[in-house]
Protein backbone atom coordinates (compact mmCIF):
# COMPACT_ATOMS: atom_id res chain seq x y z
CA MET A 1 -28.82 5.64 99.88
CA GLU A 2 -29.04 2.48 101.93
CA VAL A 3 -27.71 -0.82 100.62
CA ARG A 4 -30.04 -3.76 101.23
CA VAL A 5 -30.65 -7.20 99.77
CA GLY A 6 -31.82 -6.95 96.17
CA THR A 7 -30.21 -3.57 95.45
CA VAL A 8 -28.52 -3.31 92.07
CA VAL A 9 -25.08 -1.75 92.50
CA LYS A 10 -22.18 -0.81 90.26
CA SER A 11 -18.72 -1.79 91.40
CA GLY A 12 -16.50 1.25 91.89
CA ALA A 13 -13.19 -0.47 92.64
CA GLY A 14 -11.34 -3.71 92.01
CA ARG A 15 -11.18 -6.12 89.10
CA ASP A 16 -14.93 -5.93 88.63
CA LYS A 17 -14.95 -2.11 88.41
CA GLY A 18 -17.83 -0.85 86.30
CA LEU A 19 -19.88 -4.05 86.43
CA PHE A 20 -23.47 -4.18 87.65
CA MET A 21 -24.19 -6.68 90.43
CA VAL A 22 -26.95 -7.46 92.91
CA VAL A 23 -26.54 -7.45 96.68
CA THR A 24 -27.35 -10.88 98.11
CA ALA A 25 -26.53 -10.14 101.77
CA VAL A 26 -25.31 -7.30 103.98
CA GLU A 27 -23.02 -7.80 106.97
CA GLY A 28 -21.76 -4.70 108.77
CA ASP A 29 -19.58 -2.65 106.38
CA PHE A 30 -19.59 -5.44 103.79
CA ALA A 31 -22.04 -6.53 101.11
CA TYR A 32 -22.08 -9.85 99.29
CA ILE A 33 -22.63 -9.30 95.57
CA ALA A 34 -23.27 -11.59 92.61
CA ASP A 35 -23.81 -11.16 88.88
CA GLY A 36 -24.73 -14.73 87.89
CA LYS A 37 -21.75 -15.10 85.54
CA LEU A 38 -18.40 -14.33 87.20
CA ARG A 39 -19.85 -14.51 90.70
CA LYS A 40 -22.65 -17.02 91.10
CA LEU A 41 -25.37 -16.75 93.72
CA ASP A 42 -23.92 -19.66 95.71
CA SER A 43 -20.48 -17.97 95.96
CA PRO A 44 -20.98 -14.19 96.08
CA LYS A 45 -18.10 -11.73 96.43
CA LYS A 46 -17.57 -9.96 99.75
CA LYS A 47 -16.99 -6.25 99.08
CA ARG A 48 -16.90 -3.11 101.20
CA ILE A 49 -20.02 -0.99 100.79
CA LYS A 50 -17.91 2.15 100.25
CA HIS A 51 -16.64 0.59 96.98
CA LEU A 52 -20.17 0.21 95.58
CA LYS A 53 -22.23 2.80 93.72
CA VAL A 54 -25.88 2.31 94.60
CA THR A 55 -28.56 2.53 91.89
CA ASN A 56 -32.29 3.10 92.34
CA THR A 57 -33.06 -0.36 90.93
CA PHE A 58 -34.13 -3.28 93.08
CA LEU A 59 -34.56 -6.96 92.26
CA ASP A 60 -36.69 -9.50 94.10
CA THR A 61 -34.19 -12.15 95.20
CA VAL A 62 -36.74 -14.81 96.15
CA ASN A 63 -36.38 -17.84 93.82
CA LEU A 64 -33.68 -16.03 91.84
CA THR A 65 -31.47 -18.13 89.58
CA ASN A 66 -28.11 -17.32 88.01
CA LYS A 67 -29.68 -17.28 84.55
CA ALA A 68 -32.43 -14.87 85.59
CA LEU A 69 -29.84 -12.65 87.25
CA ARG A 70 -27.65 -12.59 84.10
CA THR A 71 -30.69 -11.72 81.96
CA PHE A 72 -31.74 -8.90 84.29
CA ILE A 73 -28.24 -7.38 84.38
CA ALA A 74 -27.87 -7.67 80.59
CA ARG A 75 -30.93 -5.46 80.18
CA LEU A 76 -29.25 -2.69 82.17
């Protein structure tokens, strides 16, 4: 499955392993991900796409806030 902006992913490696996050940008083999709590939208984490497990859930990232992102992820 293709990773694009707004895709909800689960981290498969690293300190954040097992956490759900949302892709905020894609750049080559890397994706920038944020969860609104540990990684805010203004400072997303750069992570290789091969370390992410893609879900079938998408989130509209227009006018997205950290609080709205935390709420959405908590419901998962």
